[in-house]
Amino acid sequence: MVLRRANLDDIELLIRLRLDYLTEDRGKLSREEEIAIGKQLRTYFAKHIPNNTFIGVFAEIEGNVASAAYLAISEKPANTMFITGITGTLLNVLTYPEYRRKGIAAKVINTIIDEAKKVGVAHIELWATSDGKFLYEKMGFYESNYTTMGLKLV
């Protein structure tokens, strides 16, 4: 198994992995959704990979991606949880079915954590599915005292 950080040459792979994740998480996407998401992601990755505000990590086995995870990095006003003001949101944790329950996702996430430390990330947040919650807790993630909420604007 090879663990590696994504680079600009991986943009199409990053897009495919994001679409695979979204399909697994939310069901089949329409062609229009795939096109719109792909367009936004090409621009996003081209901007954020070079300036270290996006980290993508892959686990490859025999040339195939077995697992991947993304970290979107942002700066916020500091508080006691993120004293540097630099936070990361763990996204798109995906392990293809034939590779699950082998510890691969944990290795990918640990690599993300190591890379995040190098760029000064003080706190990582995520939204866990019921399938992933045990793994995240085992790795030291904890439930917040705050309720996750959202407001869709577009």
N, C-alpha and C. Protein backbone atom coordinates (compact mmCIF):
# COMPACT_ATOMS: atom_id res chain seq x y z
N MET A 1 0.84 -1.18 0.00
CA MET A 1 0.00 0.00 0.00
C MET A 1 0.89 1.24 0.00
N VAL A 2 0.51 2.20 -0.82
CA VAL A 2 1.21 3.46 -0.90
C VAL A 2 0.26 4.56 -0.44
N LEU A 3 0.71 5.35 0.53
CA LEU A 3 -0.04 6.53 0.99
C LEU A 3 0.63 7.74 0.37
N ARG A 4 -0.17 8.61 -0.25
CA ARG A 4 0.44 9.79 -0.84
C ARG A 4 -0.52 10.97 -0.81
N ARG A 5 0.09 12.14 -0.79
CA ARG A 5 -0.66 13.39 -0.80
C ARG A 5 -0.98 13.77 -2.25
N ALA A 6 -2.17 14.28 -2.47
CA ALA A 6 -2.59 14.69 -3.81
C ALA A 6 -1.82 15.92 -4.26
N ASN A 7 -1.62 16.01 -5.57
CA ASN A 7 -1.01 17.19 -6.16
C ASN A 7 -1.86 17.65 -7.35
N LEU A 8 -1.42 18.69 -8.01
CA LEU A 8 -2.21 19.25 -9.11
C LEU A 8 -2.47 18.25 -10.24
N ASP A 9 -1.61 17.28 -10.41
CA ASP A 9 -1.82 16.26 -11.45
C ASP A 9 -2.98 15.32 -11.10
N ASP A 10 -3.46 15.38 -9.87
CA ASP A 10 -4.52 14.48 -9.40
C ASP A 10 -5.92 15.09 -9.45
N ILE A 11 -6.08 16.26 -10.05
CA ILE A 11 -7.37 16.94 -9.98
C ILE A 11 -8.51 16.07 -10.50
N GLU A 12 -8.35 15.43 -11.63
CA GLU A 12 -9.45 14.60 -12.16
C GLU A 12 -9.74 13.41 -11.24
N LEU A 13 -8.71 12.85 -10.63
CA LEU A 13 -8.91 11.77 -9.67
C LEU A 13 -9.64 12.29 -8.43
N LEU A 14 -9.26 13.45 -7.94
CA LEU A 14 -9.93 14.05 -6.78
C LEU A 14 -11.41 14.28 -7.08
N ILE A 15 -11.71 14.72 -8.28
CA ILE A 15 -13.11 14.94 -8.67
C ILE A 15 -13.86 13.62 -8.70
N ARG A 16 -13.26 12.60 -9.31
CA ARG A 16 -13.94 11.29 -9.38
C ARG A 16 -14.20 10.74 -7.98
N LEU A 17 -13.23 10.87 -7.08
CA LEU A 17 -13.40 10.38 -5.71
C LEU A 17 -14.50 11.16 -4.99
N ARG A 18 -14.57 12.47 -5.22
CA ARG A 18 -15.62 13.28 -4.60
C ARG A 18 -16.99 12.84 -5.12
N LEU A 19 -17.12 12.63 -6.42
CA LEU A 19 -18.39 12.19 -6.99
C LEU A 19 -18.76 10.80 -6.48
N ASP A 20 -17.78 9.91 -6.36
CA ASP A 20 -18.05 8.57 -5.80
C ASP A 20 -18.54 8.68 -4.36
N TYR A 21 -17.88 9.55 -3.57
CA TYR A 21 -18.30 9.75 -2.18
C TYR A 21 -19.73 10.28 -2.13
N LEU A 22 -20.02 11.30 -2.90
CA LEU A 22 -21.36 11.90 -2.87
C LEU A 22 -22.43 10.91 -3.32
N THR A 23 -22.11 10.09 -4.31
CA THR A 23 -23.06 9.07 -4.76
C THR A 23 -23.33 8.06 -3.66
N GLU A 24 -22.28 7.64 -2.98
CA GLU A 24 -22.47 6.68 -1.89
C GLU A 24 -23.24 7.30 -0.73
N ASP A 25 -22.95 8.56 -0.44
CA ASP A 25 -23.56 9.24 0.70
C ASP A 25 -25.00 9.67 0.42
N ARG A 26 -25.27 10.14 -0.79
CA ARG A 26 -26.57 10.77 -1.07
C ARG A 26 -27.36 10.11 -2.17
N GLY A 27 -26.80 9.13 -2.84
CA GLY A 27 -27.50 8.49 -3.95
C GLY A 27 -27.06 9.08 -5.28
N LYS A 28 -27.63 8.56 -6.33
CA LYS A 28 -27.24 8.95 -7.69
C LYS A 28 -27.40 10.45 -7.90
N LEU A 29 -26.39 11.04 -8.51
CA LEU A 29 -26.42 12.45 -8.86
C LEU A 29 -26.94 12.60 -10.28
N SER A 30 -27.60 13.70 -10.55
CA SER A 30 -28.03 13.97 -11.92
C SER A 30 -26.80 14.38 -12.73
N ARG A 31 -26.91 14.31 -14.03
CA ARG A 31 -25.81 14.72 -14.91
C ARG A 31 -25.49 16.20 -14.68
N GLU A 32 -26.53 17.02 -14.49
CA GLU A 32 -26.33 18.45 -14.25
C GLU A 32 -25.56 18.68 -12.95
N GLU A 33 -25.89 17.91 -11.91
CA GLU A 33 -25.17 18.03 -10.64
C GLU A 33 -23.71 17.63 -10.81
N GLU A 34 -23.46 16.53 -11.50
CA GLU A 34 -22.08 16.09 -11.73
C GLU A 34 -21.27 17.15 -12.46
N ILE A 35 -21.86 17.76 -13.49
CA ILE A 35 -21.17 18.79 -14.26
C ILE A 35 -20.87 20.00 -13.40
N ALA A 36 -21.88 20.47 -12.65
CA ALA A 36 -21.69 21.66 -11.80
C ALA A 36 -20.66 21.41 -10.71
N ILE A 37 -20.74 20.26 -10.07
CA ILE A 37 -19.80 19.92 -9.00
C ILE A 37 -18.39 19.78 -9.58
N GLY A 38 -18.26 19.09 -10.70
CA GLY A 38 -16.95 18.93 -11.33
C GLY A 38 -16.32 20.27 -11.69
N LYS A 39 -17.11 21.18 -12.23
CA LYS A 39 -16.60 22.51 -12.60
C LYS A 39 -16.09 23.25 -11.37
N GLN A 40 -16.88 23.26 -10.29
CA GLN A 40 -16.46 23.94 -9.07
C GLN A 40 -15.20 23.30 -8.50
N LEU A 41 -15.14 21.96 -8.50
CA LEU A 41 -14.00 21.27 -7.92
C LEU A 41 -12.70 21.53 -8.69
N ARG A 42 -12.77 21.60 -10.02
CA ARG A 42 -11.55 21.89 -10.80
C ARG A 42 -10.96 23.23 -10.36
N THR A 43 -11.82 24.23 -10.23
CA THR A 43 -11.37 25.56 -9.80
C THR A 43 -10.87 25.51 -8.37
N TYR A 44 -11.61 24.84 -7.48
CA TYR A 44 -11.25 24.76 -6.06
C TYR A 44 -9.88 24.10 -5.89
N PHE A 45 -9.70 22.93 -6.48
CA PHE A 45 -8.44 22.21 -6.30
C PHE A 45 -7.26 22.97 -6.89
N ALA A 46 -7.45 23.57 -8.07
CA ALA A 46 -6.37 24.35 -8.69
C ALA A 46 -5.94 25.52 -7.81
N LYS A 47 -6.87 26.08 -7.07
CA LYS A 47 -6.57 27.21 -6.19
C LYS A 47 -5.98 26.76 -4.85
N HIS A 48 -6.57 25.73 -4.25
CA HIS A 48 -6.25 25.39 -2.86
C HIS A 48 -5.12 24.38 -2.67
N ILE A 49 -4.85 23.55 -3.65
CA ILE A 49 -3.71 22.61 -3.49
C ILE A 49 -2.39 23.37 -3.39
N PRO A 50 -2.11 24.32 -4.29
CA PRO A 50 -0.81 25.00 -4.22
C PRO A 50 -0.59 25.84 -2.96
N ASN A 51 -1.67 26.38 -2.38
CA ASN A 51 -1.46 27.24 -1.21
C ASN A 51 -1.70 26.52 0.13
N ASN A 52 -1.74 25.18 0.08
CA ASN A 52 -1.86 24.36 1.29
C ASN A 52 -3.14 24.62 2.09
N THR A 53 -4.21 25.01 1.43
CA THR A 53 -5.50 25.13 2.12
C THR A 53 -6.41 23.96 1.75
N PHE A 54 -5.85 22.98 1.07
CA PHE A 54 -6.51 21.71 0.81
C PHE A 54 -5.46 20.63 0.86
N ILE A 55 -5.78 19.56 1.57
CA ILE A 55 -4.92 18.38 1.60
C ILE A 55 -5.79 17.18 1.24
N GLY A 56 -5.36 16.45 0.26
CA GLY A 56 -6.00 15.19 -0.11
C GLY A 56 -4.98 14.08 0.05
N VAL A 57 -5.40 12.97 0.61
CA VAL A 57 -4.50 11.83 0.78
C VAL A 57 -5.18 10.59 0.23
N PHE A 58 -4.40 9.78 -0.50
CA PHE A 58 -4.89 8.53 -1.07
C PHE A 58 -4.10 7.35 -0.51
N ALA A 59 -4.78 6.23 -0.38
CA ALA A 59 -4.11 4.94 -0.17
C ALA A 59 -4.30 4.17 -1.46
N GLU A 60 -3.19 3.80 -2.08
CA GLU A 60 -3.25 3.06 -3.34
C GLU A 60 -2.72 1.65 -3.12
N ILE A 61 -3.45 0.71 -3.67
CA ILE A 61 -3.05 -0.69 -3.62
C ILE A 61 -3.03 -1.20 -5.06
N GLU A 62 -1.87 -1.66 -5.48
CA GLU A 62 -1.68 -2.16 -6.84
C GLU A 62 -2.20 -1.17 -7.88
N GLY A 63 -1.91 0.11 -7.65
CA GLY A 63 -2.28 1.14 -8.61
C GLY A 63 -3.70 1.65 -8.53
N ASN A 64 -4.49 1.08 -7.64
CA ASN A 64 -5.89 1.50 -7.48
C ASN A 64 -6.07 2.24 -6.16
N VAL A 65 -6.89 3.29 -6.19
CA VAL A 65 -7.20 3.99 -4.94
C VAL A 65 -8.14 3.11 -4.13
N ALA A 66 -7.70 2.79 -2.91
CA ALA A 66 -8.52 1.99 -1.99
C ALA A 66 -9.29 2.89 -1.04
N SER A 67 -8.67 4.01 -0.67
CA SER A 67 -9.26 4.90 0.31
C SER A 67 -8.71 6.30 0.09
N ALA A 68 -9.49 7.30 0.50
CA ALA A 68 -9.05 8.69 0.36
C ALA A 68 -9.74 9.53 1.43
N ALA A 69 -9.15 10.68 1.71
CA ALA A 69 -9.77 11.66 2.60
C ALA A 69 -9.25 13.03 2.22
N TYR A 70 -10.07 14.05 2.50
CA TYR A 70 -9.74 15.43 2.18
C TYR A 70 -9.78 16.26 3.45
N LEU A 71 -8.97 17.29 3.48
CA LEU A 71 -9.00 18.27 4.56
C LEU A 71 -9.05 19.66 3.94
N ALA A 72 -10.12 20.39 4.21
CA ALA A 72 -10.26 21.78 3.78
C ALA A 72 -9.80 22.65 4.95
N ILE A 73 -8.82 23.49 4.71
CA ILE A 73 -8.20 24.28 5.77
C ILE A 73 -8.65 25.73 5.64
N SER A 74 -9.00 26.32 6.78
CA SER A 74 -9.41 27.73 6.77
C SER A 74 -8.90 28.43 8.02
N GLU A 75 -8.92 29.74 7.94
CA GLU A 75 -8.52 30.56 9.08
C GLU A 75 -9.76 31.25 9.63
N LYS A 76 -9.87 31.21 10.95
CA LYS A 76 -11.00 31.80 11.66
C LYS A 76 -10.44 32.64 12.81
N PRO A 77 -11.25 33.49 13.40
CA PRO A 77 -10.79 34.15 14.61
C PRO A 77 -10.48 33.09 15.68
N ALA A 78 -9.34 33.21 16.30
CA ALA A 78 -8.89 32.20 17.27
C ALA A 78 -9.82 32.12 18.47
N ASN A 79 -9.86 30.95 19.06
CA ASN A 79 -10.47 30.75 20.37
C ASN A 79 -9.68 29.65 21.08
N THR A 80 -10.15 29.20 22.22
CA THR A 80 -9.37 28.22 22.98
C THR A 80 -9.30 26.85 22.29
N MET A 81 -10.22 26.55 21.38
CA MET A 81 -10.17 25.28 20.64
C MET A 81 -9.18 25.33 19.49
N PHE A 82 -8.98 26.49 18.90
CA PHE A 82 -8.02 26.63 17.80
C PHE A 82 -7.26 27.94 17.96
N ILE A 83 -6.26 27.86 18.82
CA ILE A 83 -5.50 29.03 19.26
C ILE A 83 -4.76 29.71 18.10
N THR A 84 -4.42 28.95 17.05
CA THR A 84 -3.76 29.54 15.89
C THR A 84 -4.77 30.16 14.92
N GLY A 85 -6.03 29.85 15.10
CA GLY A 85 -7.06 30.29 14.17
C GLY A 85 -7.16 29.41 12.94
N ILE A 86 -6.28 28.44 12.81
CA ILE A 86 -6.26 27.57 11.62
C ILE A 86 -7.01 26.28 11.96
N THR A 87 -8.05 26.01 11.18
CA THR A 87 -8.86 24.81 11.40
C THR A 87 -8.93 24.00 10.12
N GLY A 88 -9.26 22.75 10.27
CA GLY A 88 -9.47 21.89 9.12
C GLY A 88 -10.79 21.17 9.25
N THR A 89 -11.43 20.97 8.12
CA THR A 89 -12.65 20.17 8.07
C THR A 89 -12.34 18.90 7.29
N LEU A 90 -12.46 17.77 7.96
CA LEU A 90 -12.21 16.48 7.33
C LEU A 90 -13.43 16.11 6.51
N LEU A 91 -13.19 15.84 5.23
CA LEU A 91 -14.27 15.55 4.28
C LEU A 91 -13.95 14.33 3.45
N ASN A 92 -14.97 13.80 2.83
CA ASN A 92 -14.80 12.84 1.76
C ASN A 92 -14.01 11.61 2.18
N VAL A 93 -14.17 11.18 3.42
CA VAL A 93 -13.49 9.96 3.84
C VAL A 93 -14.22 8.80 3.15
N LEU A 94 -13.51 8.19 2.23
CA LEU A 94 -14.09 7.16 1.38
C LEU A 94 -13.16 5.97 1.32
N THR A 95 -13.70 4.81 1.60
CA THR A 95 -12.98 3.56 1.38
C THR A 95 -13.90 2.68 0.55
N TYR A 96 -13.39 2.21 -0.56
CA TYR A 96 -14.21 1.36 -1.43
C TYR A 96 -14.50 0.04 -0.73
N PRO A 97 -15.70 -0.52 -0.96
CA PRO A 97 -16.18 -1.68 -0.19
C PRO A 97 -15.19 -2.84 -0.06
N GLU A 98 -14.47 -3.16 -1.11
CA GLU A 98 -13.57 -4.32 -1.05
C GLU A 98 -12.35 -4.08 -0.16
N TYR A 99 -12.13 -2.84 0.27
CA TYR A 99 -10.98 -2.52 1.11
C TYR A 99 -11.37 -2.15 2.54
N ARG A 100 -12.63 -2.22 2.86
CA ARG A 100 -13.09 -1.80 4.19
C ARG A 100 -12.71 -2.80 5.27
N ARG A 101 -12.66 -2.28 6.51
CA ARG A 101 -12.38 -3.07 7.71
C ARG A 101 -10.98 -3.66 7.71
N LYS A 102 -10.04 -2.93 7.10
CA LYS A 102 -8.65 -3.38 7.04
C LYS A 102 -7.71 -2.33 7.63
N GLY A 103 -8.25 -1.26 8.21
CA GLY A 103 -7.42 -0.23 8.82
C GLY A 103 -6.88 0.80 7.85
N ILE A 104 -7.31 0.74 6.60
CA ILE A 104 -6.77 1.64 5.59
C ILE A 104 -7.23 3.07 5.83
N ALA A 105 -8.50 3.27 6.13
CA ALA A 105 -9.01 4.63 6.37
C ALA A 105 -8.29 5.29 7.54
N ALA A 106 -8.00 4.53 8.58
CA ALA A 106 -7.28 5.09 9.73
C ALA A 106 -5.89 5.57 9.31
N LYS A 107 -5.23 4.83 8.45
CA LYS A 107 -3.90 5.25 7.97
C LYS A 107 -4.01 6.52 7.13
N VAL A 108 -5.03 6.60 6.31
CA VAL A 108 -5.23 7.80 5.49
C VAL A 108 -5.51 9.01 6.40
N ILE A 109 -6.37 8.84 7.38
CA ILE A 109 -6.71 9.94 8.30
C ILE A 109 -5.49 10.35 9.12
N ASN A 110 -4.72 9.39 9.60
CA ASN A 110 -3.50 9.73 10.34
C ASN A 110 -2.52 10.51 9.48
N THR A 111 -2.45 10.18 8.20
CA THR A 111 -1.58 10.93 7.29
C THR A 111 -2.11 12.36 7.13
N ILE A 112 -3.42 12.50 7.00
CA ILE A 112 -4.03 13.85 6.94
C ILE A 112 -3.67 14.64 8.20
N ILE A 113 -3.79 14.00 9.36
CA ILE A 113 -3.49 14.67 10.63
C ILE A 113 -2.02 15.12 10.66
N ASP A 114 -1.11 14.24 10.24
CA ASP A 114 0.31 14.60 10.21
C ASP A 114 0.57 15.77 9.28
N GLU A 115 -0.05 15.77 8.11
CA GLU A 115 0.11 16.86 7.15
C GLU A 115 -0.50 18.15 7.70
N ALA A 116 -1.62 18.05 8.38
CA ALA A 116 -2.29 19.22 8.96
C ALA A 116 -1.40 19.89 10.02
N LYS A 117 -0.75 19.09 10.82
CA LYS A 117 0.15 19.64 11.84
C LYS A 117 1.27 20.44 11.19
N LYS A 118 1.77 19.99 10.05
CA LYS A 118 2.87 20.67 9.37
C LYS A 118 2.49 22.07 8.91
N VAL A 119 1.21 22.30 8.63
CA VAL A 119 0.78 23.62 8.15
C VAL A 119 0.06 24.42 9.23
N GLY A 120 0.18 23.99 10.50
CA GLY A 120 -0.32 24.78 11.62
C GLY A 120 -1.79 24.62 11.97
N VAL A 121 -2.43 23.58 11.47
CA VAL A 121 -3.84 23.36 11.83
C VAL A 121 -3.91 23.03 13.32
N ALA A 122 -4.78 23.73 14.02
CA ALA A 122 -4.91 23.55 15.47
C ALA A 122 -6.07 22.63 15.84
N HIS A 123 -7.06 22.51 14.97
CA HIS A 123 -8.27 21.75 15.30
C HIS A 123 -8.87 21.20 14.02
N ILE A 124 -9.29 19.95 14.06
CA ILE A 124 -9.96 19.33 12.92
C ILE A 124 -11.38 18.96 13.34
N GLU A 125 -12.33 19.33 12.49
CA GLU A 125 -13.73 18.98 12.73
C GLU A 125 -14.21 18.08 11.61
N LEU A 126 -15.28 17.38 11.87
CA LEU A 126 -15.89 16.53 10.86
C LEU A 126 -17.34 16.27 11.21
N TRP A 127 -18.08 15.81 10.24
CA TRP A 127 -19.44 15.34 10.46
C TRP A 127 -19.41 13.85 10.18
N ALA A 128 -19.63 13.07 11.21
CA ALA A 128 -19.49 11.62 11.10
C ALA A 128 -20.80 10.96 10.72
N THR A 129 -20.71 9.98 9.84
CA THR A 129 -21.85 9.09 9.61
C THR A 129 -21.85 8.05 10.73
N SER A 130 -22.94 7.35 10.86
CA SER A 130 -22.99 6.31 11.89
C SER A 130 -21.96 5.21 11.60
N ASP A 131 -21.67 4.97 10.31
CA ASP A 131 -20.67 3.96 9.95
C ASP A 131 -19.25 4.38 10.37
N GLY A 132 -18.96 5.67 10.32
CA GLY A 132 -17.61 6.14 10.60
C GLY A 132 -17.37 6.56 12.04
N LYS A 133 -18.44 6.75 12.80
CA LYS A 133 -18.31 7.34 14.14
C LYS A 133 -17.34 6.55 15.05
N PHE A 134 -17.42 5.25 15.05
CA PHE A 134 -16.56 4.43 15.92
C PHE A 134 -15.09 4.65 15.57
N LEU A 135 -14.77 4.66 14.28
CA LEU A 135 -13.38 4.88 13.86
C LEU A 135 -12.89 6.23 14.34
N TYR A 136 -13.69 7.27 14.14
CA TYR A 136 -13.26 8.61 14.54
C TYR A 136 -13.06 8.71 16.05
N GLU A 137 -13.96 8.13 16.82
CA GLU A 137 -13.81 8.15 18.27
C GLU A 137 -12.55 7.40 18.69
N LYS A 138 -12.29 6.29 18.06
CA LYS A 138 -11.10 5.49 18.35
C LYS A 138 -9.82 6.28 18.06
N MET A 139 -9.90 7.21 17.10
CA MET A 139 -8.74 8.02 16.71
C MET A 139 -8.62 9.29 17.55
N GLY A 140 -9.56 9.52 18.48
CA GLY A 140 -9.45 10.68 19.36
C GLY A 140 -10.43 11.81 19.06
N PHE A 141 -11.22 11.68 18.01
CA PHE A 141 -12.25 12.69 17.76
C PHE A 141 -13.34 12.54 18.81
N TYR A 142 -14.02 13.61 19.12
CA TYR A 142 -15.05 13.60 20.16
C TYR A 142 -16.26 14.40 19.69
N GLU A 143 -17.38 14.13 20.34
CA GLU A 143 -18.59 14.87 20.03
C GLU A 143 -18.53 16.25 20.67
N SER A 144 -18.93 17.23 19.92
CA SER A 144 -18.94 18.61 20.39
C SER A 144 -20.16 18.85 21.27
N ASN A 145 -20.08 19.88 22.08
CA ASN A 145 -21.24 20.30 22.87
C ASN A 145 -22.26 21.05 22.02
N TYR A 146 -21.87 21.36 20.79
CA TYR A 146 -22.73 22.12 19.90
C TYR A 146 -23.46 21.20 18.93
N THR A 147 -24.65 21.56 18.57
CA THR A 147 -25.44 20.82 17.60
C THR A 147 -25.09 21.33 16.21
N THR A 148 -24.83 20.41 15.30
CA THR A 148 -24.56 20.79 13.92
C THR A 148 -25.86 21.25 13.28
N MET A 149 -25.80 22.39 12.65
CA MET A 149 -26.97 22.94 11.96
C MET A 149 -26.51 23.50 10.62
N GLY A 150 -27.43 23.73 9.73
CA GLY A 150 -27.08 24.32 8.45
C GLY A 150 -28.24 25.10 7.88
N LEU A 151 -27.92 25.94 6.93
CA LEU A 151 -28.92 26.72 6.22
C LEU A 151 -28.51 26.74 4.76
N LYS A 152 -29.28 26.09 3.91
CA LYS A 152 -28.96 26.03 2.48
C LYS A 152 -29.40 27.33 1.83
N LEU A 153 -28.49 27.99 1.14
CA LEU A 153 -28.79 29.27 0.50
C LEU A 153 -28.94 29.16 -1.01
N VAL A 154 -28.34 28.16 -1.63
CA VAL A 154 -28.45 28.00 -3.08
C VAL A 154 -28.91 26.59 -3.40
